[in-house]
Protein backbone atom coordinates (compact mmCIF):
# COMPACT_ATOMS: atom_id res chain seq x y z
CA UNK A 1 -17.88 6.40 -13.54
CA UNK A 2 -17.70 4.52 -10.26
CA UNK A 3 -20.64 3.76 -8.02
CA UNK A 4 -20.51 3.52 -4.23
CA UNK A 5 -20.45 -0.30 -4.44
CA UNK A 6 -17.11 -0.04 -6.35
CA UNK A 7 -15.33 1.74 -3.47
CA UNK A 8 -12.36 -0.10 -1.94
CA UNK A 9 -8.99 0.66 -0.38
CA UNK A 10 -6.50 1.95 -2.97
CA UNK A 11 -9.13 3.18 -5.46
CA UNK A 12 -8.27 6.53 -7.05
CA UNK A 13 -11.11 8.94 -7.80
CA UNK A 14 -11.61 12.57 -8.69
CA UNK A 15 -13.65 14.91 -6.48
CA UNK A 16 -14.01 18.59 -7.37
CA UNK A 17 -11.29 18.29 -10.03
CA UNK A 18 -8.62 16.88 -7.70
CA UNK A 19 -7.37 13.28 -7.44
CA UNK A 20 -7.92 11.34 -4.21
CA UNK A 21 -7.01 7.85 -3.07
CA UNK A 22 -9.01 5.81 -0.56
CA UNK A 23 -6.63 4.91 2.28
CA UNK A 24 -9.19 3.20 4.54
CA UNK A 25 -12.63 1.83 3.85
CA UNK A 26 -15.53 0.25 5.74
CA UNK A 27 -19.05 -0.77 4.77
CA UNK A 28 -21.95 -0.23 7.20
CA UNK A 29 -25.48 -1.55 6.67
CA UNK A 30 -27.77 -0.13 9.35
CA UNK A 31 -30.97 -1.95 10.32
CA UNK A 32 -33.02 0.33 8.13
CA UNK A 33 -32.10 2.87 5.51
CA UNK A 34 -29.37 2.99 2.90
CA UNK A 35 -25.99 1.30 3.13
CA UNK A 36 -23.13 3.61 4.10
CA UNK A 37 -19.58 3.55 2.78
CA UNK A 38 -17.15 5.18 5.22
CA UNK A 39 -13.89 6.20 3.56
CA UNK A 40 -10.69 7.94 4.57
CA UNK A 41 -9.56 9.94 1.56
CA UNK A 42 -6.11 11.38 0.85
CA UNK A 43 -5.66 14.26 -1.57
CA UNK A 44 -2.84 13.22 -3.91
CA UNK A 45 -1.79 16.84 -4.55
CA UNK A 46 -1.78 18.35 -1.04
CA UNK A 47 -1.49 15.15 1.02
CA UNK A 48 -4.35 16.20 3.32
CA UNK A 49 -6.60 13.45 4.66
CA UNK A 50 -10.20 13.48 5.78
CA UNK A 51 -13.11 11.13 6.43
CA UNK A 52 -16.20 11.08 4.26
CA UNK A 53 -19.30 8.92 4.26
CA UNK A 54 -21.06 8.04 1.00
CA UNK A 55 -24.50 6.53 0.39
CA UNK A 56 -25.26 3.59 -1.85
CA UNK A 57 -26.56 5.72 -4.76
CA UNK A 58 -23.54 8.04 -5.02
CA UNK A 59 -21.48 8.14 -8.22
CA UNK A 60 -17.83 9.15 -8.67
CA UNK A 61 -15.59 10.15 -11.51
CA UNK A 62 -12.46 8.11 -12.13
CA UNK A 63 -9.28 10.07 -11.39
CA UNK A 64 -7.57 11.33 -14.56
CA UNK A 65 -4.25 9.67 -13.76
CA UNK A 66 -1.61 8.30 -16.10
CA UNK A 67 -0.16 5.05 -14.70
CA UNK A 68 3.35 4.06 -15.79
CA UNK A 69 5.36 0.98 -14.89
CA UNK A 70 8.53 2.05 -13.12
CA UNK A 71 11.39 0.43 -11.27
CA UNK A 72 12.53 1.57 -7.81
CA UNK A 73 16.23 2.42 -7.95
CA UNK A 74 17.29 3.95 -4.62
CA UNK A 75 16.46 6.20 -1.69
CA UNK A 76 18.46 9.34 -0.98
CA UNK A 77 17.43 11.10 2.21
CA UNK A 78 13.67 11.61 2.01
CA UNK A 79 13.55 11.19 -1.79
CA UNK A 80 12.84 7.97 -3.64
CA UNK A 81 14.09 7.53 -7.21
CA UNK A 82 12.06 5.60 -9.80
CA UNK A 83 12.95 4.86 -13.43
CA UNK A 84 10.50 4.37 -16.30
CA UNK A 85 11.27 0.90 -17.69
CA UNK A 86 10.60 1.88 -21.30
CA UNK A 87 12.06 5.44 -21.59
CA UNK A 88 14.68 5.21 -18.78
CA UNK A 89 13.48 8.60 -17.50
CA UNK A 90 13.93 9.04 -13.74
CA UNK A 91 11.50 10.73 -11.36
CA UNK A 92 11.81 11.52 -7.66
CA UNK A 93 9.07 11.27 -5.06
CA UNK A 94 9.05 12.58 -1.49
CA UNK A 95 8.61 10.22 1.45
CA UNK A 96 5.08 11.48 2.19
CA UNK A 97 4.05 10.72 -1.42
CA UNK A 98 5.44 7.18 -1.14
CA UNK A 99 3.63 6.60 2.17
CA UNK A 100 3.47 3.07 3.57
CA UNK A 101 4.81 1.66 0.28
CA UNK A 102 8.31 2.43 1.61
CA UNK A 103 8.00 -0.67 3.83
CA UNK A 104 8.04 -2.89 0.72
CA UNK A 105 10.45 -1.09 -1.62
CA UNK A 106 13.56 -3.07 -2.47
CA UNK A 107 16.03 -2.32 -5.26
CA UNK A 108 14.65 -3.01 -8.75
CA UNK A 109 11.08 -3.79 -7.64
CA UNK A 110 8.58 -2.89 -10.38
CA UNK A 111 5.70 -0.64 -9.28
CA UNK A 112 3.02 1.43 -10.98
CA UNK A 113 3.44 5.19 -10.51
CA UNK A 114 0.37 7.40 -11.04
CA UNK A 115 0.93 10.81 -12.65
CA UNK A 116 -1.51 13.74 -12.48
CA UNK A 117 -0.72 16.59 -14.87
CA UNK A 118 2.78 15.11 -15.47
CA UNK A 119 3.64 15.02 -11.73
CA UNK A 120 4.13 11.73 -9.84
CA UNK A 121 1.42 11.38 -7.19
CA UNK A 122 1.09 7.81 -5.88
CA UNK A 123 2.54 4.31 -6.06
CA UNK A 124 0.70 1.05 -6.59
CA UNK A 125 2.66 -1.96 -5.38
CA UNK A 126 2.36 -5.53 -6.64
CA UNK A 127 -0.11 -7.53 -4.51
CA UNK A 128 2.65 -9.70 -3.03
CA UNK A 129 6.32 -8.91 -2.37
CA UNK A 130 9.12 -11.13 -1.11
CA UNK A 131 11.33 -9.72 1.65
CA UNK A 132 14.20 -11.27 3.61
CA UNK A 133 14.14 -11.51 7.43
CA UNK A 134 17.21 -9.74 8.85
CA UNK A 135 16.37 -10.02 12.55
CA UNK A 136 14.29 -12.68 14.28
CA UNK A 137 14.47 -13.60 17.94
CA UNK A 138 13.94 -17.28 18.70
CA UNK A 139 10.30 -18.14 19.26
CA UNK A 140 9.41 -19.13 22.81
CA UNK A 141 6.58 -21.58 23.23
CA UNK A 142 4.68 -20.91 26.39
CA UNK A 143 1.07 -21.00 27.39
CA UNK A 144 -0.09 -20.68 23.81
CA UNK A 145 -2.91 -22.73 22.37
CA UNK A 146 -2.82 -21.57 18.74
CA UNK A 147 -1.63 -18.73 16.56
CA UNK A 148 1.44 -17.65 18.55
CA UNK A 149 3.48 -14.97 16.81
CA UNK A 150 6.73 -13.08 17.26
CA UNK A 151 8.06 -9.81 15.80
CA UNK A 152 10.69 -9.88 13.03
CA UNK A 153 12.52 -7.13 11.16
CA UNK A 154 12.65 -7.28 7.36
CA UNK A 155 15.36 -6.00 4.99
CA UNK A 156 13.49 -2.70 4.50
CA UNK A 157 13.35 -2.06 8.26
CA UNK A 158 9.65 -2.96 8.43
CA UNK A 159 8.57 -4.93 11.52
CA UNK A 160 5.74 -7.46 11.40
CA UNK A 161 4.44 -10.35 13.50
CA UNK A 162 4.94 -13.82 12.05
CA UNK A 163 4.49 -17.43 13.26
CA UNK A 164 7.10 -18.75 15.72
CA UNK A 165 8.79 -21.07 13.17
CA UNK A 166 10.14 -18.19 11.04
CA UNK A 167 13.92 -17.75 11.38
CA UNK A 168 16.49 -15.13 10.42
CA UNK A 169 17.61 -15.35 6.78
CA UNK A 170 14.31 -16.74 5.46
CA UNK A 171 12.39 -14.99 2.70
CA UNK A 172 8.74 -14.16 3.38
CA UNK A 173 5.89 -13.31 1.02
CA UNK A 174 3.83 -10.34 2.28
CA UNK A 175 0.43 -9.10 1.16
CA UNK A 176 0.94 -5.38 0.44
CA UNK A 177 -2.79 -4.64 0.78
CA UNK A 178 -2.88 -5.68 4.44
CA UNK A 179 0.82 -5.60 5.39
CA UNK A 180 0.55 -9.11 6.79
CA UNK A 181 2.65 -12.25 6.43
CA UNK A 182 1.28 -14.56 3.70
CA UNK A 183 3.78 -17.43 3.44
CA UNK A 184 7.42 -18.50 3.35
CA UNK A 185 9.21 -18.53 0.01
CA UNK A 186 11.00 -21.79 -0.81
CA UNK A 187 14.49 -21.15 -2.11
């Protein structure tokens, strides 16, 4: 059982017999009264999303999901193919099931796939992934005091803002929880 204090982005829980994942989370402590936990929940079966606010005393049941380590093989149209690393069984997931994880999927990356009643429902990425910069315009220093950034395109097609010193061909380490640049990878 989870308590409201355990809620965080990416947590999977079961409400009314269906699995949900928290896609966005914020904590609010008003001047008086109980703390509030505002969550955006996504139903892993139907894909529908909604907002819900929980109070500090609320309890939740852990989602009855079976997590398996799998390797991403390829994308074909809107389907993504994953292979179980121990049984070599392949499963396909639709683009809406993969969600924002598609921005970090490169060939042979190992991920955790959650199954509910033998059907793949969600992907859990490693905390950090390394991706190569395929397009980076030169950084222009102007009237910037600190923290100047520029947009770059990564090998998966994902665009992020990075510091001006990043160049095309470099490998970057990204935090998959926030989608932000973490550091350069020394080769």
